[in-house]
Amino acid sequence: MAGYTREFLIDAYLWRFTKIPSITIEKLLGLEEIANKTYDTYGKDKFRDYASLDAEYLRNYKADIKR
């Protein structure tokens, strides 16, 4: 597995929600809090599993943020 940082993985997880036009900043902040707690509780590998951050998803995320 690549050496992804905690911040990168959490940002990648939240990225899918930013595509929802009706989502508010408050909801994103709540999701970020949940993501942080999940990462703290289960660690990097389980967080990736639970958040469905597979290699293809992370490639798509990296390609999108480079634009």
PDB file of N, CA and C in Angstrom:
ATOM      1  N   MET A   1       0.847  -1.176   0.000  1.00  0.00           N
ATOM      2  CA  MET A   1       0.000   0.000   0.000  1.00  0.00           C
ATOM      3  C   MET A   1       0.889   1.234   0.000  1.00  0.00           C
ATOM      4  N   ALA A   2       0.498   2.212  -0.767  1.00  0.00           N
ATOM      5  CA  ALA A   2       1.240   3.465  -0.817  1.00  0.00           C
ATOM      6  C   ALA A   2       1.185   4.136   0.551  1.00  0.00           C
ATOM      7  N   GLY A   3       2.124   5.013   0.803  1.00  0.00           N
ATOM      8  CA  GLY A   3       2.210   5.687   2.092  1.00  0.00           C
ATOM      9  C   GLY A   3       1.285   6.884   2.194  1.00  0.00           C
ATOM     10  N   TYR A   4       0.012   6.641   2.111  1.00  0.00           N
ATOM     11  CA  TYR A   4      -0.957   7.729   2.197  1.00  0.00           C
ATOM     12  C   TYR A   4      -1.046   8.246   3.624  1.00  0.00           C
ATOM     13  N   THR A   5      -1.149   9.559   3.753  1.00  0.00           N
ATOM     14  CA  THR A   5      -1.284  10.159   5.078  1.00  0.00           C
ATOM     15  C   THR A   5      -2.731  10.093   5.545  1.00  0.00           C
ATOM     16  N   ARG A   6      -2.896  10.286   6.799  1.00  0.00           N
ATOM     17  CA  ARG A   6      -4.239  10.339   7.394  1.00  0.00           C
ATOM     18  C   ARG A   6      -5.077  11.420   6.720  1.00  0.00           C
ATOM     19  N   GLU A   7      -4.484  12.603   6.555  1.00  0.00           N
ATOM     20  CA  GLU A   7      -5.204  13.723   5.962  1.00  0.00           C
ATOM     21  C   GLU A   7      -5.634  13.406   4.528  1.00  0.00           C
ATOM     22  N   PHE A   8      -4.733  12.775   3.771  1.00  0.00           N
ATOM     23  CA  PHE A   8      -5.059  12.423   2.393  1.00  0.00           C
ATOM     24  C   PHE A   8      -6.242  11.461   2.354  1.00  0.00           C
ATOM     25  N   LEU A   9      -6.219  10.439   3.181  1.00  0.00           N
ATOM     26  CA  LEU A   9      -7.291   9.443   3.168  1.00  0.00           C
ATOM     27  C   LEU A   9      -8.626  10.039   3.607  1.00  0.00           C
ATOM     28  N   ILE A  10      -8.599  10.883   4.601  1.00  0.00           N
ATOM     29  CA  ILE A  10      -9.848  11.507   5.057  1.00  0.00           C
ATOM     30  C   ILE A  10     -10.374  12.475   4.004  1.00  0.00           C
ATOM     31  N   ASP A  11      -9.482  13.241   3.384  1.00  0.00           N
ATOM     32  CA  ASP A  11      -9.906  14.125   2.299  1.00  0.00           C
ATOM     33  C   ASP A  11     -10.496  13.328   1.138  1.00  0.00           C
ATOM     34  N   ALA A  12      -9.864  12.211   0.815  1.00  0.00           N
ATOM     35  CA  ALA A  12     -10.365  11.356  -0.274  1.00  0.00           C
ATOM     36  C   ALA A  12     -11.752  10.824   0.062  1.00  0.00           C
ATOM     37  N   TYR A  13     -11.952  10.431   1.309  1.00  0.00           N
ATOM     38  CA  TYR A  13     -13.262   9.945   1.743  1.00  0.00           C
ATOM     39  C   TYR A  13     -14.321  11.043   1.596  1.00  0.00           C
ATOM     40  N   LEU A  14     -13.987  12.246   2.031  1.00  0.00           N
ATOM     41  CA  LEU A  14     -14.947  13.352   1.986  1.00  0.00           C
ATOM     42  C   LEU A  14     -15.216  13.828   0.567  1.00  0.00           C
ATOM     43  N   TRP A  15     -14.290  13.591  -0.338  1.00  0.00           N
ATOM     44  CA  TRP A  15     -14.413  14.039  -1.733  1.00  0.00           C
ATOM     45  C   TRP A  15     -15.716  13.562  -2.361  1.00  0.00           C
ATOM     46  N   ARG A  16     -16.106  12.326  -2.089  1.00  0.00           N
ATOM     47  CA  ARG A  16     -17.335  11.808  -2.711  1.00  0.00           C
ATOM     48  C   ARG A  16     -18.569  12.595  -2.289  1.00  0.00           C
ATOM     49  N   PHE A  17     -18.542  13.160  -1.103  1.00  0.00           N
ATOM     50  CA  PHE A  17     -19.699  13.908  -0.617  1.00  0.00           C
ATOM     51  C   PHE A  17     -19.747  15.325  -1.173  1.00  0.00           C
ATOM     52  N   THR A  18     -18.607  15.858  -1.586  1.00  0.00           N
ATOM     53  CA  THR A  18     -18.591  17.223  -2.119  1.00  0.00           C
ATOM     54  C   THR A  18     -19.301  17.299  -3.460  1.00  0.00           C
ATOM     55  N   LYS A  19     -19.565  16.164  -4.074  1.00  0.00           N
ATOM     56  CA  LYS A  19     -20.266  16.140  -5.357  1.00  0.00           C
ATOM     57  C   LYS A  19     -21.781  16.244  -5.188  1.00  0.00           C
ATOM     58  N   ILE A  20     -22.255  16.181  -3.970  1.00  0.00           N
ATOM     59  CA  ILE A  20     -23.692  16.292  -3.687  1.00  0.00           C
ATOM     60  C   ILE A  20     -24.027  17.780  -3.572  1.00  0.00           C
ATOM     61  N   PRO A  21     -24.807  18.305  -4.498  1.00  0.00           N
ATOM     62  CA  PRO A  21     -25.069  19.752  -4.505  1.00  0.00           C
ATOM     63  C   PRO A  21     -25.704  20.286  -3.215  1.00  0.00           C
ATOM     64  N   SER A  22     -26.507  19.481  -2.567  1.00  0.00           N
ATOM     65  CA  SER A  22     -27.251  19.983  -1.406  1.00  0.00           C
ATOM     66  C   SER A  22     -26.518  19.817  -0.072  1.00  0.00           C
ATOM     67  N   ILE A  23     -25.305  19.277  -0.086  1.00  0.00           N
ATOM     68  CA  ILE A  23     -24.620  19.053   1.193  1.00  0.00           C
ATOM     69  C   ILE A  23     -24.113  20.381   1.754  1.00  0.00           C
ATOM     70  N   THR A  24     -24.258  20.521   3.053  1.00  0.00           N
ATOM     71  CA  THR A  24     -23.823  21.751   3.709  1.00  0.00           C
ATOM     72  C   THR A  24     -22.443  21.555   4.333  1.00  0.00           C
ATOM     73  N   ILE A  25     -21.819  22.667   4.628  1.00  0.00           N
ATOM     74  CA  ILE A  25     -20.518  22.622   5.307  1.00  0.00           C
ATOM     75  C   ILE A  25     -20.656  21.920   6.651  1.00  0.00           C
ATOM     76  N   GLU A  26     -21.746  22.163   7.340  1.00  0.00           N
ATOM     77  CA  GLU A  26     -21.963  21.543   8.647  1.00  0.00           C
ATOM     78  C   GLU A  26     -22.002  20.018   8.526  1.00  0.00           C
ATOM     79  N   LYS A  27     -22.671  19.525   7.475  1.00  0.00           N
ATOM     80  CA  LYS A  27     -22.728  18.077   7.276  1.00  0.00           C
ATOM     81  C   LYS A  27     -21.354  17.524   6.936  1.00  0.00           C
ATOM     82  N   LEU A  28     -20.602  18.247   6.110  1.00  0.00           N
ATOM     83  CA  LEU A  28     -19.237  17.802   5.785  1.00  0.00           C
ATOM     84  C   LEU A  28     -18.350  17.783   7.029  1.00  0.00           C
ATOM     85  N   LEU A  29     -18.498  18.786   7.875  1.00  0.00           N
ATOM     86  CA  LEU A  29     -17.715  18.813   9.116  1.00  0.00           C
ATOM     87  C   LEU A  29     -18.089  17.645  10.025  1.00  0.00           C
ATOM     88  N   GLY A  30     -19.363  17.315  10.061  1.00  0.00           N
ATOM     89  CA  GLY A  30     -19.799  16.158  10.837  1.00  0.00           C
ATOM     90  C   GLY A  30     -19.232  14.864  10.284  1.00  0.00           C
ATOM     91  N   LEU A  31     -19.234  14.728   8.965  1.00  0.00           N
ATOM     92  CA  LEU A  31     -18.645  13.537   8.338  1.00  0.00           C
ATOM     93  C   LEU A  31     -17.143  13.466   8.591  1.00  0.00           C
ATOM     94  N   GLU A  32     -16.493  14.621   8.580  1.00  0.00           N
ATOM     95  CA  GLU A  32     -15.053  14.649   8.863  1.00  0.00           C
ATOM     96  C   GLU A  32     -14.772  14.190  10.294  1.00  0.00           C
ATOM     97  N   GLU A  33     -15.608  14.621  11.216  1.00  0.00           N
ATOM     98  CA  GLU A  33     -15.443  14.209  12.611  1.00  0.00           C
ATOM     99  C   GLU A  33     -15.612  12.691  12.754  1.00  0.00           C
ATOM    100  N   ILE A  34     -16.614  12.153  12.101  1.00  0.00           N
ATOM    101  CA  ILE A  34     -16.836  10.707  12.130  1.00  0.00           C
ATOM    102  C   ILE A  34     -15.654   9.974  11.503  1.00  0.00           C
ATOM    103  N   ALA A  35     -15.156  10.496  10.391  1.00  0.00           N
ATOM    104  CA  ALA A  35     -14.011   9.876   9.715  1.00  0.00           C
ATOM    105  C   ALA A  35     -12.781   9.882  10.622  1.00  0.00           C
ATOM    106  N   ASN A  36     -12.541  10.987  11.293  1.00  0.00           N
ATOM    107  CA  ASN A  36     -11.398  11.060  12.206  1.00  0.00           C
ATOM    108  C   ASN A  36     -11.526  10.058  13.352  1.00  0.00           C
ATOM    109  N   LYS A  37     -12.709   9.953  13.918  1.00  0.00           N
ATOM    110  CA  LYS A  37     -12.924   8.999  15.010  1.00  0.00           C
ATOM    111  C   LYS A  37     -12.761   7.561  14.522  1.00  0.00           C
ATOM    112  N   THR A  38     -13.256   7.289  13.326  1.00  0.00           N
ATOM    113  CA  THR A  38     -13.121   5.943  12.762  1.00  0.00           C
ATOM    114  C   THR A  38     -11.659   5.614  12.517  1.00  0.00           C
ATOM    115  N   TYR A  39     -10.913   6.556  11.963  1.00  0.00           N
ATOM    116  CA  TYR A  39      -9.479   6.349  11.723  1.00  0.00           C
ATOM    117  C   TYR A  39      -8.759   6.104  13.046  1.00  0.00           C
ATOM    118  N   ASP A  40      -9.062   6.918  14.061  1.00  0.00           N
ATOM    119  CA  ASP A  40      -8.426   6.762  15.374  1.00  0.00           C
ATOM    120  C   ASP A  40      -8.733   5.404  15.988  1.00  0.00           C
ATOM    121  N   THR A  41      -9.963   4.949  15.817  1.00  0.00           N
ATOM    122  CA  THR A  41     -10.391   3.698  16.430  1.00  0.00           C
ATOM    123  C   THR A  41      -9.831   2.474  15.727  1.00  0.00           C
ATOM    124  N   TYR A  42      -9.837   2.487  14.397  1.00  0.00           N
ATOM    125  CA  TYR A  42      -9.523   1.276  13.645  1.00  0.00           C
ATOM    126  C   TYR A  42      -8.199   1.310  12.889  1.00  0.00           C
ATOM    127  N   GLY A  43      -7.597   2.466  12.735  1.00  0.00           N
ATOM    128  CA  GLY A  43      -6.325   2.560  12.027  1.00  0.00           C
ATOM    129  C   GLY A  43      -6.505   2.727  10.522  1.00  0.00           C
ATOM    130  N   LYS A  44      -5.366   2.903   9.852  1.00  0.00           N
ATOM    131  CA  LYS A  44      -5.354   3.221   8.429  1.00  0.00           C
ATOM    132  C   LYS A  44      -5.979   2.138   7.553  1.00  0.00           C
ATOM    133  N   ASP A  45      -5.574   0.897   7.737  1.00  0.00           N
ATOM    134  CA  ASP A  45      -6.043  -0.174   6.856  1.00  0.00           C
ATOM    135  C   ASP A  45      -7.538  -0.413   6.976  1.00  0.00           C
ATOM    136  N   LYS A  46      -8.035  -0.483   8.185  1.00  0.00           N
ATOM    137  CA  LYS A  46      -9.476  -0.695   8.371  1.00  0.00           C
ATOM    138  C   LYS A  46     -10.277   0.521   7.923  1.00  0.00           C
ATOM    139  N   PHE A  47      -9.722   1.713   8.148  1.00  0.00           N
ATOM    140  CA  PHE A  47     -10.414   2.914   7.673  1.00  0.00           C
ATOM    141  C   PHE A  47     -10.581   2.851   6.163  1.00  0.00           C
ATOM    142  N   ARG A  48      -9.526   2.464   5.454  1.00  0.00           N
ATOM    143  CA  ARG A  48      -9.619   2.337   3.992  1.00  0.00           C
ATOM    144  C   ARG A  48     -10.693   1.327   3.601  1.00  0.00           C
ATOM    145  N   ASP A  49     -10.757   0.222   4.321  1.00  0.00           N
ATOM    146  CA  ASP A  49     -11.794  -0.779   4.035  1.00  0.00           C
ATOM    147  C   ASP A  49     -13.189  -0.210   4.295  1.00  0.00           C
ATOM    148  N   TYR A  50     -13.386   0.345   5.477  1.00  0.00           N
ATOM    149  CA  TYR A  50     -14.703   0.843   5.860  1.00  0.00           C
ATOM    150  C   TYR A  50     -15.156   2.011   4.978  1.00  0.00           C
ATOM    151  N   ALA A  51     -14.206   2.836   4.530  1.00  0.00           N
ATOM    152  CA  ALA A  51     -14.535   4.003   3.716  1.00  0.00           C
ATOM    153  C   ALA A  51     -14.543   3.684   2.215  1.00  0.00           C
ATOM    154  N   SER A  52     -14.286   2.430   1.875  1.00  0.00           N
ATOM    155  CA  SER A  52     -14.253   1.990   0.467  1.00  0.00           C
ATOM    156  C   SER A  52     -13.249   2.796  -0.359  1.00  0.00           C
ATOM    157  N   LEU A  53     -12.057   2.958   0.193  1.00  0.00           N
ATOM    158  CA  LEU A  53     -11.001   3.697  -0.489  1.00  0.00           C
ATOM    159  C   LEU A  53     -10.051   2.713  -1.164  1.00  0.00           C
ATOM    160  N   ASP A  54     -10.528   2.091  -2.225  1.00  0.00           N
ATOM    161  CA  ASP A  54      -9.680   1.150  -2.946  1.00  0.00           C
ATOM    162  C   ASP A  54      -8.732   1.910  -3.881  1.00  0.00           C
ATOM    163  N   ALA A  55      -7.837   1.182  -4.521  1.00  0.00           N
ATOM    164  CA  ALA A  55      -6.805   1.801  -5.355  1.00  0.00           C
ATOM    165  C   ALA A  55      -7.417   2.616  -6.489  1.00  0.00           C
ATOM    166  N   GLU A  56      -8.451   2.102  -7.123  1.00  0.00           N
ATOM    167  CA  GLU A  56      -9.081   2.825  -8.237  1.00  0.00           C
ATOM    168  C   GLU A  56      -9.688   4.142  -7.768  1.00  0.00           C
ATOM    169  N   TYR A  57     -10.374   4.101  -6.638  1.00  0.00           N
ATOM    170  CA  TYR A  57     -10.976   5.321  -6.099  1.00  0.00           C
ATOM    171  C   TYR A  57      -9.897   6.356  -5.796  1.00  0.00           C
ATOM    172  N   LEU A  58      -8.795   5.922  -5.178  1.00  0.00           N
ATOM    173  CA  LEU A  58      -7.726   6.861  -4.832  1.00  0.00           C
ATOM    174  C   LEU A  58      -7.047   7.417  -6.080  1.00  0.00           C
ATOM    175  N   ARG A  59      -6.912   6.623  -7.130  1.00  0.00           N
ATOM    176  CA  ARG A  59      -6.374   7.133  -8.402  1.00  0.00           C
ATOM    177  C   ARG A  59      -7.288   8.219  -8.969  1.00  0.00           C
ATOM    178  N   ASN A  60      -8.585   7.970  -8.934  1.00  0.00           N
ATOM    179  CA  ASN A  60      -9.544   8.965  -9.430  1.00  0.00           C
ATOM    180  C   ASN A  60      -9.493  10.244  -8.601  1.00  0.00           C
ATOM    181  N   TYR A  61      -9.380  10.101  -7.305  1.00  0.00           N
ATOM    182  CA  TYR A  61      -9.292  11.266  -6.423  1.00  0.00           C
ATOM    183  C   TYR A  61      -8.029  12.068  -6.734  1.00  0.00           C
ATOM    184  N   LYS A  62      -6.892  11.379  -6.841  1.00  0.00           N
ATOM    185  CA  LYS A  62      -5.640  12.091  -7.139  1.00  0.00           C
ATOM    186  C   LYS A  62      -5.715  12.798  -8.481  1.00  0.00           C
ATOM    187  N   ALA A  63      -6.297  12.159  -9.483  1.00  0.00           N
ATOM    188  CA  ALA A  63      -6.427  12.784 -10.800  1.00  0.00           C
ATOM    189  C   ALA A  63      -7.310  14.032 -10.721  1.00  0.00           C
ATOM    190  N   ASP A  64      -8.370  13.968  -9.928  1.00  0.00           N
ATOM    191  CA  ASP A  64      -9.283  15.097  -9.819  1.00  0.00           C
ATOM    192  C   ASP A  64      -8.640  16.273  -9.107  1.00  0.00           C
ATOM    193  N   ILE A  65      -7.872  16.036  -8.067  1.00  0.00           N
ATOM    194  CA  ILE A  65      -7.292  17.162  -7.319  1.00  0.00           C
ATOM    195  C   ILE A  65      -6.116  17.797  -8.059  1.00  0.00           C
ATOM    196  N   LYS A  66      -5.583  17.096  -9.066  1.00  0.00           N
ATOM    197  CA  LYS A  66      -4.498  17.672  -9.853  1.00  0.00           C
ATOM    198  C   LYS A  66      -5.005  18.640 -10.909  1.00  0.00           C
ATOM    199  N   ARG A  67      -6.296  18.625 -11.174  1.00  0.00           N
ATOM    200  CA  ARG A  67      -6.871  19.525 -12.186  1.00  0.00           C
ATOM    201  C   ARG A  67      -6.913  20.939 -11.725  1.00  0.00           C
TER     202      ARG A  67
END
